[in-house]
Amino acid sequence: MSNNYVYFIYDGDGSIGYVGIGDRARPYGPHTKVVDDLRDRSGDVRITSMPFSTRGDAERAESLIIRALADAEEHGTHLLNVAKRKQSKDLVPLLPFQQGILRYSDLSTTLLVKISLNAIDDERVVVSGAAHSADAAERCSRYWPLGKCVDREAPIKRLVAVTTAEAKPVRVVGVWDVDHTSAWKYHEDVQRWEVRLTNPVQGNIGGHVGKCFDWEGYAPQNVGYSSDIRTYLGLG
């Protein structure tokens, strides 16, 4: 299979700042200092969901996109068919990637959360492989229905965030240690809980980020628990 993708680096306002081509590792590689600073600052990198057949096709697509964006900016154009942007699934956040599988049965004392790839609001940003661990932590640690877990004082020691089923295969996007001294914070405005983390910038505990995740038949909605915590809470 070809390894020629088109990728986009967005700025903090949701506008495209750079368009490039390459394999899935290329967006992490060196560009100009301006582009590298933009990527590291925004952490929002998106990539075509499938590679182009040839590098030539990818280069033509890159050229057309850059031309269209430049023309739109120069003439202040507002596209009339922007609805198609929402319908399209051809561009997705760049996920972290590495070989290997993390299995549900490998986990203990763990809270699992499913993360949609796209931004929810200004606080809960796109989760991509270019996002800093602290930014991903802010998204993945909130806001969750954890009433029973909190009331029963479940001995949660780790937070594992994985993608929802919209991303295939499901991958691990973050693993953090939970702060035992103040594990939970309740947000009255949304009536949901935030998981307090020991160190948000350390989001790859155990080195599993980017691996495929195998639920092994367990199918929680948005929040799940390792088997020992499910037993502790009396969950099926």
C-alpha atoms as a PDB file:
ATOM      1  CA  MET A   1       0.000   0.000   0.000  1.00  0.00           C
ATOM      2  CA  SER A   2       1.126   3.548  -0.750  1.00  0.00           C
ATOM      3  CA  ASN A   3       2.329   5.599   2.202  1.00  0.00           C
ATOM      4  CA  ASN A   4       1.550   9.024   0.749  1.00  0.00           C
ATOM      5  CA  TYR A   5      -0.818  11.031   2.932  1.00  0.00           C
ATOM      6  CA  VAL A   6      -1.753  14.706   2.909  1.00  0.00           C
ATOM      7  CA  TYR A   7      -1.680  16.295   6.350  1.00  0.00           C
ATOM      8  CA  PHE A   8      -2.768  19.652   7.759  1.00  0.00           C
ATOM      9  CA  ILE A   9      -1.383  21.595  10.698  1.00  0.00           C
ATOM     10  CA  TYR A  10      -3.987  23.901  12.222  1.00  0.00           C
ATOM     11  CA  ASP A  11      -3.408  27.010  14.280  1.00  0.00           C
ATOM     12  CA  GLY A  12      -5.060  27.656  17.629  1.00  0.00           C
ATOM     13  CA  ASP A  13      -8.069  29.295  15.945  1.00  0.00           C
ATOM     14  CA  GLY A  14      -8.990  26.268  13.847  1.00  0.00           C
ATOM     15  CA  SER A  15      -7.504  27.587  10.585  1.00  0.00           C
ATOM     16  CA  ILE A  16      -5.109  25.622   8.410  1.00  0.00           C
ATOM     17  CA  GLY A  17      -1.559  26.914   8.756  1.00  0.00           C
ATOM     18  CA  TYR A  18       0.367  24.327   6.751  1.00  0.00           C
ATOM     19  CA  VAL A  19      -0.303  21.542   4.240  1.00  0.00           C
ATOM     20  CA  GLY A  20       2.210  18.764   3.640  1.00  0.00           C
ATOM     21  CA  ILE A  21       2.592  15.231   2.292  1.00  0.00           C
ATOM     22  CA  GLY A  22       4.421  12.155   3.515  1.00  0.00           C
ATOM     23  CA  ASP A  23       3.978   9.045   5.614  1.00  0.00           C
ATOM     24  CA  ARG A  24       2.219   9.068   8.993  1.00  0.00           C
ATOM     25  CA  ALA A  25       5.467   9.912  10.765  1.00  0.00           C
ATOM     26  CA  ARG A  26       6.219  12.950   8.589  1.00  0.00           C
ATOM     27  CA  PRO A  27       4.094  15.493  10.523  1.00  0.00           C
ATOM     28  CA  TYR A  28       6.258  14.839  13.601  1.00  0.00           C
ATOM     29  CA  GLY A  29       9.470  15.433  11.648  1.00  0.00           C
ATOM     30  CA  PRO A  30      11.381  18.682  11.145  1.00  0.00           C
ATOM     31  CA  HIS A  31       9.907  21.450   8.967  1.00  0.00           C
ATOM     32  CA  THR A  32      10.832  25.108   9.081  1.00  0.00           C
ATOM     33  CA  LYS A  33      11.051  26.641  12.545  1.00  0.00           C
ATOM     34  CA  VAL A  34       7.797  28.538  11.952  1.00  0.00           C
ATOM     35  CA  VAL A  35       5.913  25.347  11.039  1.00  0.00           C
ATOM     36  CA  ASP A  36       7.444  23.343  13.888  1.00  0.00           C
ATOM     37  CA  ASP A  37       6.502  26.080  16.353  1.00  0.00           C
ATOM     38  CA  LEU A  38       2.927  26.114  15.021  1.00  0.00           C
ATOM     39  CA  ARG A  39       2.595  22.327  15.335  1.00  0.00           C
ATOM     40  CA  ASP A  40       4.065  22.233  18.816  1.00  0.00           C
ATOM     41  CA  ARG A  41       1.934  25.145  19.969  1.00  0.00           C
ATOM     42  CA  SER A  42      -1.446  24.026  18.616  1.00  0.00           C
ATOM     43  CA  GLY A  43      -1.052  20.226  18.736  1.00  0.00           C
ATOM     44  CA  ASP A  44      -3.812  19.996  16.113  1.00  0.00           C
ATOM     45  CA  VAL A  45      -2.661  17.879  13.172  1.00  0.00           C
ATOM     46  CA  ARG A  46      -5.065  16.101  10.829  1.00  0.00           C
ATOM     47  CA  ILE A  47      -4.372  13.632   8.076  1.00  0.00           C
ATOM     48  CA  THR A  48      -6.235  11.984   5.229  1.00  0.00           C
ATOM     49  CA  SER A  49      -7.888   8.814   6.480  1.00  0.00           C
ATOM     50  CA  MET A  50      -6.445   6.819   3.563  1.00  0.00           C
ATOM     51  CA  PRO A  51      -3.181   7.266   1.616  1.00  0.00           C
ATOM     52  CA  PHE A  52      -3.137   8.361  -2.015  1.00  0.00           C
ATOM     53  CA  SER A  53      -2.338   5.738  -4.652  1.00  0.00           C
ATOM     54  CA  THR A  54       0.907   7.420  -5.664  1.00  0.00           C
ATOM     55  CA  ARG A  55       3.112  10.236  -4.450  1.00  0.00           C
ATOM     56  CA  GLY A  56       2.243  12.125  -7.618  1.00  0.00           C
ATOM     57  CA  ASP A  57      -1.459  12.030  -6.738  1.00  0.00           C
ATOM     58  CA  ALA A  58      -0.666  13.256  -3.230  1.00  0.00           C
ATOM     59  CA  GLU A  59       1.463  16.092  -4.610  1.00  0.00           C
ATOM     60  CA  ARG A  60      -1.305  17.184  -6.980  1.00  0.00           C
ATOM     61  CA  ALA A  61      -3.832  17.152  -4.124  1.00  0.00           C
ATOM     62  CA  GLU A  62      -1.435  19.148  -1.932  1.00  0.00           C
ATOM     63  CA  SER A  63      -0.896  21.701  -4.709  1.00  0.00           C
ATOM     64  CA  LEU A  64      -4.625  22.126  -5.367  1.00  0.00           C
ATOM     65  CA  ILE A  65      -5.405  22.530  -1.669  1.00  0.00           C
ATOM     66  CA  ILE A  66      -2.689  25.154  -1.189  1.00  0.00           C
ATOM     67  CA  ARG A  67      -3.873  27.030  -4.305  1.00  0.00           C
ATOM     68  CA  ALA A  68      -7.512  26.973  -3.151  1.00  0.00           C
ATOM     69  CA  LEU A  69      -6.623  28.139   0.354  1.00  0.00           C
ATOM     70  CA  ALA A  70      -4.369  30.906  -0.952  1.00  0.00           C
ATOM     71  CA  ASP A  71      -6.998  32.135  -3.408  1.00  0.00           C
ATOM     72  CA  ALA A  72      -9.699  32.089  -0.750  1.00  0.00           C
ATOM     73  CA  GLU A  73      -7.519  34.093   1.635  1.00  0.00           C
ATOM     74  CA  GLU A  74      -6.481  36.607  -1.039  1.00  0.00           C
ATOM     75  CA  HIS A  75     -10.025  37.306  -2.219  1.00  0.00           C
ATOM     76  CA  GLY A  76     -11.834  36.902   1.083  1.00  0.00           C
ATOM     77  CA  THR A  77     -13.902  34.069  -0.389  1.00  0.00           C
ATOM     78  CA  HIS A  78     -16.543  32.310   1.696  1.00  0.00           C
ATOM     79  CA  LEU A  79     -17.411  28.897   0.288  1.00  0.00           C
ATOM     80  CA  LEU A  80     -21.081  28.160  -0.206  1.00  0.00           C
ATOM     81  CA  ASN A  81     -20.837  24.365   0.156  1.00  0.00           C
ATOM     82  CA  VAL A  82     -19.146  24.175   3.559  1.00  0.00           C
ATOM     83  CA  ALA A  83     -21.753  21.614   4.689  1.00  0.00           C
ATOM     84  CA  LYS A  84     -19.748  19.004   2.828  1.00  0.00           C
ATOM     85  CA  ARG A  85     -16.868  19.612   5.229  1.00  0.00           C
ATOM     86  CA  LYS A  86     -18.973  18.280   8.102  1.00  0.00           C
ATOM     87  CA  GLN A  87     -20.139  15.288   6.065  1.00  0.00           C
ATOM     88  CA  SER A  88     -16.650  14.292   4.973  1.00  0.00           C
ATOM     89  CA  LYS A  89     -14.751  11.595   6.854  1.00  0.00           C
ATOM     90  CA  ASP A  90     -11.686  11.834   4.639  1.00  0.00           C
ATOM     91  CA  LEU A  91      -9.730  14.003   7.090  1.00  0.00           C
ATOM     92  CA  VAL A  92      -9.131  12.820  10.649  1.00  0.00           C
ATOM     93  CA  PRO A  93      -6.902  13.894  13.555  1.00  0.00           C
ATOM     94  CA  LEU A  94      -3.458  12.331  13.344  1.00  0.00           C
ATOM     95  CA  LEU A  95      -3.398   9.583  15.948  1.00  0.00           C
ATOM     96  CA  PRO A  96      -0.291   8.411  17.765  1.00  0.00           C
ATOM     97  CA  PHE A  97       0.902   5.148  16.247  1.00  0.00           C
ATOM     98  CA  GLN A  98       3.134   2.279  17.265  1.00  0.00           C
ATOM     99  CA  GLN A  99       3.113  -1.472  16.775  1.00  0.00           C
ATOM    100  CA  GLY A 100       1.622  -3.680  19.463  1.00  0.00           C
ATOM    101  CA  ILE A 101      -1.617  -4.304  21.328  1.00  0.00           C
ATOM    102  CA  LEU A 102      -2.747  -3.348  24.810  1.00  0.00           C
ATOM    103  CA  ARG A 103      -5.458  -5.757  25.953  1.00  0.00           C
ATOM    104  CA  TYR A 104      -8.229  -5.124  28.430  1.00  0.00           C
ATOM    105  CA  SER A 105      -7.103  -8.124  30.480  1.00  0.00           C
ATOM    106  CA  ASP A 106      -3.678  -6.471  30.914  1.00  0.00           C
ATOM    107  CA  LEU A 107      -5.219  -3.717  33.065  1.00  0.00           C
ATOM    108  CA  SER A 108      -5.922  -3.416  36.789  1.00  0.00           C
ATOM    109  CA  THR A 109      -7.029  -0.592  39.116  1.00  0.00           C
ATOM    110  CA  THR A 110      -7.836   1.311  35.923  1.00  0.00           C
ATOM    111  CA  LEU A 111     -10.493   3.741  34.765  1.00  0.00           C
ATOM    112  CA  LEU A 112     -11.005   3.662  30.991  1.00  0.00           C
ATOM    113  CA  VAL A 113     -12.558   6.476  28.974  1.00  0.00           C
ATOM    114  CA  LYS A 114     -13.500   6.631  25.304  1.00  0.00           C
ATOM    115  CA  ILE A 115     -12.411   9.779  23.487  1.00  0.00           C
ATOM    116  CA  SER A 116     -13.922  11.163  20.309  1.00  0.00           C
ATOM    117  CA  LEU A 117     -11.230  12.529  18.036  1.00  0.00           C
ATOM    118  CA  ASN A 118     -12.655  15.983  17.440  1.00  0.00           C
ATOM    119  CA  ALA A 119     -12.742  19.028  19.677  1.00  0.00           C
ATOM    120  CA  ILE A 120     -15.801  19.458  21.920  1.00  0.00           C
ATOM    121  CA  ASP A 121     -15.239  23.030  23.088  1.00  0.00           C
ATOM    122  CA  ASP A 122     -12.439  25.505  23.761  1.00  0.00           C
ATOM    123  CA  GLU A 123     -11.253  23.513  26.792  1.00  0.00           C
ATOM    124  CA  ARG A 124     -11.551  20.014  25.347  1.00  0.00           C
ATOM    125  CA  VAL A 125      -9.318  20.150  22.298  1.00  0.00           C
ATOM    126  CA  VAL A 126      -8.603  17.782  19.419  1.00  0.00           C
ATOM    127  CA  VAL A 127      -6.646  14.775  20.635  1.00  0.00           C
ATOM    128  CA  SER A 128      -3.915  14.054  18.105  1.00  0.00           C
ATOM    129  CA  GLY A 129      -0.482  12.537  18.150  1.00  0.00           C
ATOM    130  CA  ALA A 130       0.973  16.042  18.045  1.00  0.00           C
ATOM    131  CA  ALA A 131      -0.870  17.238  21.145  1.00  0.00           C
ATOM    132  CA  HIS A 132       1.131  17.724  24.321  1.00  0.00           C
ATOM    133  CA  SER A 133       0.336  15.263  27.109  1.00  0.00           C
ATOM    134  CA  ALA A 134      -0.956  18.097  29.294  1.00  0.00           C
ATOM    135  CA  ASP A 135      -3.404  19.201  26.583  1.00  0.00           C
ATOM    136  CA  ALA A 136      -4.573  15.636  26.028  1.00  0.00           C
ATOM    137  CA  ALA A 137      -4.907  15.213  29.798  1.00  0.00           C
ATOM    138  CA  GLU A 138      -7.219  18.214  30.029  1.00  0.00           C
ATOM    139  CA  ARG A 139      -9.475  16.622  27.429  1.00  0.00           C
ATOM    140  CA  CYS A 140      -9.319  13.040  28.658  1.00  0.00           C
ATOM    141  CA  SER A 141      -9.714  13.726  32.375  1.00  0.00           C
ATOM    142  CA  ARG A 142     -13.117  15.452  32.097  1.00  0.00           C
ATOM    143  CA  TYR A 143     -16.163  15.306  32.305  1.00  0.00           C
ATOM    144  CA  TRP A 144     -17.312  11.814  33.289  1.00  0.00           C
ATOM    145  CA  PRO A 145     -20.235  10.192  35.181  1.00  0.00           C
ATOM    146  CA  LEU A 146     -18.278   8.650  38.042  1.00  0.00           C
ATOM    147  CA  GLY A 147     -20.749   8.877  40.926  1.00  0.00           C
ATOM    148  CA  LYS A 148     -20.680   5.214  41.935  1.00  0.00           C
ATOM    149  CA  CYS A 149     -16.914   5.015  41.582  1.00  0.00           C
ATOM    150  CA  VAL A 150     -16.461   8.087  43.796  1.00  0.00           C
ATOM    151  CA  ASP A 151     -19.093   7.076  46.372  1.00  0.00           C
ATOM    152  CA  ARG A 152     -17.575   3.618  46.788  1.00  0.00           C
ATOM    153  CA  GLU A 153     -14.020   5.009  46.865  1.00  0.00           C
ATOM    154  CA  ALA A 154     -12.866   2.639  44.157  1.00  0.00           C
ATOM    155  CA  PRO A 155      -9.069   2.203  44.293  1.00  0.00           C
ATOM    156  CA  ILE A 156      -8.366   3.714  40.866  1.00  0.00           C
ATOM    157  CA  LYS A 157      -4.674   4.215  40.210  1.00  0.00           C
ATOM    158  CA  ARG A 158      -4.573   4.804  36.461  1.00  0.00           C
ATOM    159  CA  LEU A 159      -6.518   6.542  33.705  1.00  0.00           C
ATOM    160  CA  VAL A 160      -6.393   5.018  30.221  1.00  0.00           C
ATOM    161  CA  ALA A 161      -7.937   6.913  27.299  1.00  0.00           C
ATOM    162  CA  VAL A 162      -8.724   5.143  24.029  1.00  0.00           C
ATOM    163  CA  THR A 163     -10.422   6.271  20.859  1.00  0.00           C
ATOM    164  CA  THR A 164     -14.087   5.621  20.203  1.00  0.00           C
ATOM    165  CA  ALA A 165     -15.113   3.149  17.517  1.00  0.00           C
ATOM    166  CA  GLU A 166     -15.092   5.921  14.885  1.00  0.00           C
ATOM    167  CA  ALA A 167     -11.332   5.397  14.710  1.00  0.00           C
ATOM    168  CA  LYS A 168     -10.396   1.997  13.376  1.00  0.00           C
ATOM    169  CA  PRO A 169      -8.537   0.319  14.843  1.00  0.00           C
ATOM    170  CA  VAL A 170      -9.146   1.645  18.365  1.00  0.00           C
ATOM    171  CA  ARG A 171      -5.901   3.079  19.756  1.00  0.00           C
ATOM    172  CA  VAL A 172      -4.531   4.196  23.090  1.00  0.00           C
ATOM    173  CA  VAL A 173      -4.227   7.994  23.212  1.00  0.00           C
ATOM    174  CA  GLY A 174      -3.100   8.507  26.820  1.00  0.00           C
ATOM    175  CA  VAL A 175      -2.164   6.751  30.064  1.00  0.00           C
ATOM    176  CA  TRP A 176      -1.827   8.727  33.312  1.00  0.00           C
ATOM    177  CA  ASP A 177      -1.367   7.997  36.995  1.00  0.00           C
ATOM    178  CA  VAL A 178      -4.299   9.153  39.132  1.00  0.00           C
ATOM    179  CA  ASP A 179      -3.613  11.419  42.112  1.00  0.00           C
ATOM    180  CA  HIS A 180      -4.517   9.342  45.189  1.00  0.00           C
ATOM    181  CA  THR A 181      -4.738  12.353  47.469  1.00  0.00           C
ATOM    182  CA  SER A 182      -7.514  14.109  45.511  1.00  0.00           C
ATOM    183  CA  ALA A 183      -8.600  11.771  42.759  1.00  0.00           C
ATOM    184  CA  TRP A 184     -11.896  13.434  41.872  1.00  0.00           C
ATOM    185  CA  LYS A 185     -13.250  16.936  41.336  1.00  0.00           C
ATOM    186  CA  TYR A 186     -16.966  17.538  40.832  1.00  0.00           C
ATOM    187  CA  HIS A 187     -18.104  20.178  38.321  1.00  0.00           C
ATOM    188  CA  GLU A 188     -21.522  21.397  39.347  1.00  0.00           C
ATOM    189  CA  ASP A 189     -22.204  23.188  36.057  1.00  0.00           C
ATOM    190  CA  VAL A 190     -22.078  19.965  34.031  1.00  0.00           C
ATOM    191  CA  GLN A 191     -22.794  17.556  36.911  1.00  0.00           C
ATOM    192  CA  ARG A 192     -19.840  15.421  35.966  1.00  0.00           C
ATOM    193  CA  TRP A 193     -16.500  14.490  37.493  1.00  0.00           C
ATOM    194  CA  GLU A 194     -12.937  15.318  36.587  1.00  0.00           C
ATOM    195  CA  VAL A 195     -10.145  12.824  37.234  1.00  0.00           C
ATOM    196  CA  ARG A 196      -7.219  14.440  39.062  1.00  0.00           C
ATOM    197  CA  LEU A 197      -3.888  13.287  37.684  1.00  0.00           C
ATOM    198  CA  THR A 198      -0.545  12.999  39.432  1.00  0.00           C
ATOM    199  CA  ASN A 199       1.344  14.629  36.556  1.00  0.00           C
ATOM    200  CA  PRO A 200      -0.631  15.599  33.434  1.00  0.00           C
ATOM    201  CA  VAL A 201       2.505  15.999  31.320  1.00  0.00           C
ATOM    202  CA  GLN A 202       3.369  12.328  31.833  1.00  0.00           C
ATOM    203  CA  GLY A 203       0.720  10.882  29.543  1.00  0.00           C
ATOM    204  CA  ASN A 204       2.416   7.720  28.334  1.00  0.00           C
ATOM    205  CA  ILE A 205       2.859   5.657  31.468  1.00  0.00           C
ATOM    206  CA  GLY A 206       3.998   2.181  30.462  1.00  0.00           C
ATOM    207  CA  GLY A 207       4.748   3.262  26.895  1.00  0.00           C
ATOM    208  CA  HIS A 208       1.401   2.128  25.432  1.00  0.00           C
ATOM    209  CA  VAL A 209       0.278   5.291  23.631  1.00  0.00           C
ATOM    210  CA  GLY A 210      -0.296   4.568  19.950  1.00  0.00           C
ATOM    211  CA  LYS A 211      -0.890   0.842  20.361  1.00  0.00           C
ATOM    212  CA  CYS A 212      -4.109  -0.826  19.284  1.00  0.00           C
ATOM    213  CA  PHE A 213      -6.506  -1.513  22.144  1.00  0.00           C
ATOM    214  CA  ASP A 214      -8.461  -4.765  22.403  1.00  0.00           C
ATOM    215  CA  TRP A 215     -11.594  -4.564  24.567  1.00  0.00           C
ATOM    216  CA  GLU A 216     -11.826  -8.391  24.494  1.00  0.00           C
ATOM    217  CA  GLY A 217     -15.610  -8.319  24.365  1.00  0.00           C
ATOM    218  CA  TYR A 218     -16.167  -5.735  27.109  1.00  0.00           C
ATOM    219  CA  ALA A 219     -18.352  -2.948  25.697  1.00  0.00           C
ATOM    220  CA  PRO A 220     -18.920   0.008  28.055  1.00  0.00           C
ATOM    221  CA  GLN A 221     -20.514   3.179  26.704  1.00  0.00           C
ATOM    222  CA  ASN A 222     -18.119   6.043  27.485  1.00  0.00           C
ATOM    223  CA  VAL A 223     -16.590   4.968  30.801  1.00  0.00           C
ATOM    224  CA  GLY A 224     -15.297   1.540  31.759  1.00  0.00           C
ATOM    225  CA  TYR A 225     -13.262  -0.132  34.480  1.00  0.00           C
ATOM    226  CA  SER A 226     -10.709  -2.907  34.653  1.00  0.00           C
ATOM    227  CA  SER A 227     -12.167  -6.231  35.750  1.00  0.00           C
ATOM    228  CA  ASP A 228     -10.994  -5.892  39.362  1.00  0.00           C
ATOM    229  CA  ILE A 229     -12.699  -2.498  39.725  1.00  0.00           C
ATOM    230  CA  ARG A 230     -15.876  -3.840  38.105  1.00  0.00           C
ATOM    231  CA  THR A 231     -15.911  -6.579  40.748  1.00  0.00           C
ATOM    232  CA  TYR A 232     -15.261  -4.034  43.496  1.00  0.00           C
ATOM    233  CA  LEU A 233     -18.194  -1.920  42.291  1.00  0.00           C
ATOM    234  CA  GLY A 234     -20.481  -4.883  41.754  1.00  0.00           C
ATOM    235  CA  LEU A 235     -20.757  -4.262  38.013  1.00  0.00           C
ATOM    236  CA  GLY A 236     -21.344  -7.004  35.458  1.00  0.00           C
END
